[in-house]
Amino acid sequence: MRQVVLDTETTGIGEGHKIIEIGCIELIDRKFTGRQYHQYVNPQRLVDPEAMEVHGISDEFLQDKPLFANIANDFIDFISGGQLVIHNAPFDVGFMDREFGQLSGYPKTADICTILDTLVLARKMHPGQRNSLDALCRRYGIDNSHRELHGALLDSEILADVYLLMTGGQTNLILDSAASSQGKEGVVASAVKIDAAMASQLKAWGVSEIEQKEHDSVLELLTNKSEGPLWSK
């Protein structure tokens, strides 16, 4: 399966604002391929001061960059046929569709790609919690201390790590053909496949001597006050 983790930076939010940076990271079968797409874009309008405080991209920097019309074909070639993985997809896709819509004969994003919104996924997995990209980095132990400002390519790289960790713990059932041939009474063998990207970043937690003593004290208290915890029987 081919996935493209994508992020954009813009001149601001709302109507009339434009894309100024696109960053994409390619995954195939949940593995980094090394292919990426990165492009700055001249929006032909000023960047809002509030937006520049977020991403640090100035009007002067963008003056000699190509227009979206000049990079649209290469961008479409990179994302076409893949599944886009985006955090808060309606924001980025909305901007992309407005840019495509200003060009004659260009499709909407959903016509050439499927879209997975990691913000929606995170809210289902962690209801009632903060699910910004920074919050997810803290939750999954991803170091983003080098991220002083937002940038489309850097944020897509971070999002790729977050996405793989969010989804890497899910299990894949592998049917054993010999067992399944026994019919409904047969035993179906299964295995848990842990994504290598997740396994390499998992933290091993041990129990200190002090914590073990405190645990033993609580168990002793429970035993003295009752018949003891069920799991000790």
Protein backbone atom coordinates (compact mmCIF):
# COMPACT_ATOMS: atom_id res chain seq x y z
CA MET A 1 0.00 0.00 0.00
CA ARG A 2 1.33 3.42 -0.96
CA GLN A 3 0.73 6.29 1.46
CA VAL A 4 1.81 9.90 1.27
CA VAL A 5 2.11 11.77 4.57
CA LEU A 6 1.37 15.41 3.74
CA ASP A 7 1.44 18.83 5.36
CA THR A 8 1.11 22.37 4.03
CA GLU A 9 1.88 25.86 5.26
CA THR A 10 -0.25 28.80 4.17
CA THR A 11 -0.41 32.59 4.16
CA GLY A 12 -3.14 32.41 6.79
CA ILE A 13 -6.52 30.81 7.36
CA GLY A 14 -9.84 31.40 5.67
CA GLU A 15 -10.94 32.57 2.26
CA GLY A 16 -8.38 34.20 0.02
CA HIS A 17 -5.35 32.61 1.65
CA LYS A 18 -2.91 30.48 -0.30
CA ILE A 19 -0.50 27.57 0.04
CA ILE A 20 3.15 28.60 0.41
CA GLU A 21 4.80 25.25 1.26
CA ILE A 22 4.05 21.59 0.58
CA GLY A 23 5.85 18.68 2.23
CA CYS A 24 5.25 14.98 1.48
CA ILE A 25 6.85 11.76 2.71
CA GLU A 26 6.23 8.46 0.90
CA LEU A 27 5.48 5.21 2.74
CA ILE A 28 5.02 1.86 1.03
CA ASP A 29 3.73 -0.99 3.17
CA ARG A 30 4.33 1.21 6.23
CA LYS A 31 8.01 1.70 5.44
CA PHE A 32 9.85 4.89 4.53
CA THR A 33 11.02 4.74 0.92
CA GLY A 34 13.24 7.82 1.02
CA ARG A 35 11.11 9.57 -1.61
CA GLN A 36 9.72 12.95 -0.71
CA TYR A 37 8.17 16.00 -2.32
CA HIS A 38 8.99 19.45 -1.02
CA GLN A 39 8.11 22.75 -2.63
CA TYR A 40 7.78 26.40 -1.65
CA VAL A 41 5.15 28.37 -3.59
CA ASN A 42 4.77 32.06 -4.42
CA PRO A 43 1.23 32.91 -3.25
CA GLN A 44 1.11 36.31 -5.01
CA ARG A 45 -0.20 37.85 -1.80
CA LEU A 46 1.22 38.84 1.59
CA VAL A 47 1.65 36.39 4.44
CA ASP A 48 -0.35 37.26 7.56
CA PRO A 49 1.95 38.26 10.48
CA GLU A 50 0.24 35.68 12.71
CA ALA A 51 0.96 32.92 10.19
CA MET A 52 4.59 33.99 9.79
CA GLU A 53 5.04 33.68 13.55
CA VAL A 54 4.02 30.03 13.22
CA HIS A 55 6.12 28.96 10.21
CA GLY A 56 8.66 31.78 9.80
CA ILE A 57 8.24 32.01 6.01
CA SER A 58 8.52 35.61 4.87
CA ASP A 59 7.18 37.46 1.83
CA GLU A 60 10.75 38.19 0.71
CA PHE A 61 11.67 34.51 0.81
CA LEU A 62 8.71 33.58 -1.40
CA GLN A 63 9.22 36.21 -4.09
CA ASP A 64 11.30 34.04 -6.42
CA LYS A 65 9.42 30.79 -5.80
CA PRO A 66 7.24 29.21 -8.53
CA LEU A 67 3.50 29.73 -8.73
CA PHE A 68 1.20 26.84 -7.80
CA ALA A 69 0.22 26.53 -11.48
CA ASN A 70 3.84 25.77 -12.32
CA ILE A 71 4.22 22.96 -9.79
CA ALA A 72 0.70 21.48 -9.90
CA ASN A 73 1.50 18.67 -12.35
CA ASP A 74 4.56 17.45 -10.43
CA PHE A 75 2.61 17.62 -7.18
CA ILE A 76 -0.29 15.61 -8.63
CA ASP A 77 2.13 13.04 -10.07
CA PHE A 78 3.57 12.48 -6.58
CA ILE A 79 0.31 12.09 -4.68
CA SER A 80 -1.87 10.49 -7.36
CA GLY A 81 -3.18 7.01 -6.55
CA GLY A 82 -1.93 7.01 -2.96
CA GLN A 83 -3.61 7.43 0.39
CA LEU A 84 -2.92 10.85 1.86
CA VAL A 85 -2.20 10.81 5.59
CA ILE A 86 -2.94 14.29 6.96
CA HIS A 87 -3.47 15.73 10.45
CA ASN A 88 -6.68 17.78 10.30
CA ALA A 89 -7.22 16.88 6.65
CA PRO A 90 -10.09 19.32 5.90
CA PHE A 91 -7.70 22.24 6.37
CA ASP A 92 -5.00 21.07 3.94
CA VAL A 93 -7.37 19.46 1.45
CA GLY A 94 -9.51 22.59 1.43
CA PHE A 95 -6.52 24.70 0.44
CA MET A 96 -5.39 22.16 -2.16
CA ASP A 97 -8.84 22.03 -3.73
CA ARG A 98 -9.02 25.82 -3.93
CA GLU A 99 -5.63 25.89 -5.65
CA PHE A 100 -6.66 23.14 -8.10
CA GLY A 101 -10.01 24.87 -8.65
CA GLN A 102 -8.29 28.01 -9.90
CA LEU A 103 -6.63 26.00 -12.68
CA SER A 104 -8.53 24.80 -15.72
CA GLY A 105 -9.22 21.07 -15.94
CA TYR A 106 -7.64 20.01 -12.66
CA PRO A 107 -9.30 17.45 -10.35
CA LYS A 108 -10.22 17.69 -6.70
CA THR A 109 -7.91 15.93 -4.26
CA ALA A 110 -10.44 13.18 -3.46
CA ASP A 111 -10.66 12.35 -7.17
CA ILE A 112 -7.03 11.21 -7.28
CA CYS A 113 -6.34 10.07 -3.69
CA THR A 114 -7.98 8.54 -0.68
CA ILE A 115 -7.56 10.52 2.54
CA LEU A 116 -6.87 9.41 6.11
CA ASP A 117 -7.25 12.08 8.80
CA THR A 118 -4.96 11.29 11.75
CA LEU A 119 -6.73 13.88 13.92
CA VAL A 120 -10.01 11.96 13.57
CA LEU A 121 -8.12 8.72 14.27
CA ALA A 122 -6.43 10.20 17.35
CA ARG A 123 -9.73 11.48 18.75
CA LYS A 124 -11.20 7.98 18.46
CA MET A 125 -8.16 6.42 20.13
CA HIS A 126 -7.74 9.10 22.83
CA PRO A 127 -11.17 10.65 23.48
CA GLY A 128 -11.22 13.71 25.69
CA GLN A 129 -7.48 14.28 25.40
CA ARG A 130 -5.41 16.79 23.47
CA ASN A 131 -4.58 15.44 20.05
CA SER A 132 -2.48 18.12 18.41
CA LEU A 133 0.68 16.90 16.68
CA ASP A 134 2.78 18.17 19.60
CA ALA A 135 0.52 16.39 22.11
CA LEU A 136 0.76 13.13 20.14
CA CYS A 137 4.55 13.44 20.03
CA ARG A 138 4.61 13.65 23.82
CA ARG A 139 2.16 10.76 24.15
CA TYR A 140 4.17 8.46 21.89
CA GLY A 141 7.63 9.55 23.03
CA ILE A 142 8.70 11.21 19.76
CA ASP A 143 11.41 13.84 20.12
CA ASN A 144 10.35 17.00 18.30
CA SER A 145 12.57 19.38 20.24
CA HIS A 146 14.20 20.44 16.95
CA ARG A 147 10.81 21.82 15.80
CA GLU A 148 11.03 25.48 16.80
CA LEU A 149 8.81 26.55 13.89
CA HIS A 150 6.28 24.67 11.81
CA GLY A 151 7.47 23.50 8.40
CA ALA A 152 5.58 21.34 5.93
CA LEU A 153 8.33 18.80 5.32
CA LEU A 154 9.43 18.57 8.95
CA ASP A 155 5.84 18.25 10.15
CA SER A 156 5.11 15.51 7.61
CA GLU A 157 8.16 13.58 8.83
CA ILE A 158 6.99 13.91 12.44
CA LEU A 159 3.44 12.96 11.47
CA ALA A 160 4.72 9.85 9.69
CA ASP A 161 6.39 8.69 12.93
CA VAL A 162 3.25 9.48 14.94
CA TYR A 163 1.00 7.65 12.48
CA LEU A 164 3.15 4.51 12.46
CA LEU A 165 3.21 4.40 16.26
CA MET A 166 -0.51 5.08 16.54
CA THR A 167 -1.38 2.21 14.21
CA GLY A 168 1.56 -0.16 14.65
CA GLY A 169 0.12 -1.88 17.71
CA GLN A 170 -2.85 -3.26 15.83
CA THR A 171 -2.74 -6.98 15.19
CA ASN A 172 -2.80 -8.85 11.93
CA LEU A 173 -4.35 -12.32 12.13
CA ILE A 174 -2.48 -14.92 10.09
CA LEU A 175 -4.59 -17.96 9.31
CA ASP A 176 -2.78 -21.27 9.53
CA SER A 177 -3.89 -23.27 6.49
CA ALA A 178 -3.34 -26.60 8.20
CA ALA A 179 -5.40 -25.62 11.23
CA SER A 180 -8.17 -24.00 9.24
CA SER A 181 -8.47 -27.13 7.14
CA GLN A 182 -9.77 -28.90 10.25
CA GLY A 183 -13.07 -27.06 9.83
CA LYS A 184 -14.98 -25.12 12.46
CA GLU A 185 -13.57 -27.28 15.24
CA GLY A 186 -10.00 -26.61 14.15
CA VAL A 187 -7.67 -24.26 15.91
CA VAL A 188 -6.83 -21.05 14.11
CA ALA A 189 -3.28 -19.93 14.69
CA SER A 190 -2.64 -16.23 14.91
CA ALA A 191 0.36 -14.00 15.35
CA VAL A 192 0.77 -10.42 16.38
CA LYS A 193 2.79 -8.45 13.90
CA ILE A 194 4.39 -5.40 15.48
CA ASP A 195 5.60 -2.72 13.11
CA ALA A 196 9.38 -2.33 13.18
CA ALA A 197 9.10 1.44 13.48
CA MET A 198 7.01 1.04 16.61
CA ALA A 199 9.20 -1.68 18.13
CA SER A 200 12.34 0.42 17.75
CA GLN A 201 10.81 3.26 19.77
CA LEU A 202 9.03 1.36 22.53
CA LYS A 203 10.30 2.12 26.01
CA ALA A 204 10.98 -0.67 28.49
CA TRP A 205 9.77 0.17 31.99
CA GLY A 206 11.14 -1.61 35.03
CA VAL A 207 10.06 -1.60 38.69
CA SER A 208 12.40 -0.06 41.24
CA GLU A 209 13.12 -1.70 44.57
CA ILE A 210 11.20 1.05 46.39
CA GLU A 211 8.16 0.60 44.11
CA GLN A 212 8.25 -3.18 44.65
CA LYS A 213 8.31 -2.72 48.44
CA GLU A 214 5.37 -0.31 48.28
CA HIS A 215 3.46 -2.79 46.12
CA ASP A 216 4.17 -5.61 48.58
CA SER A 217 3.01 -3.41 51.48
CA VAL A 218 -0.33 -2.73 49.78
CA LEU A 219 -0.84 -6.45 49.15
CA GLU A 220 -0.06 -7.20 52.81
CA LEU A 221 -2.58 -4.55 53.92
CA LEU A 222 -5.26 -6.05 51.66
CA THR A 223 -4.54 -9.51 53.01
CA ASN A 224 -4.77 -8.35 56.65
CA LYS A 225 -8.08 -6.54 56.08
CA SER A 226 -9.73 -9.19 53.95
CA GLU A 227 -9.12 -12.54 52.37
CA GLY A 228 -6.52 -10.95 50.15
CA PRO A 229 -6.59 -10.08 46.46
CA LEU A 230 -8.16 -12.67 44.15
CA TRP A 231 -5.07 -12.94 41.97
CA SER A 232 -3.00 -14.19 44.92
CA LYS A 233 -5.21 -17.26 45.37
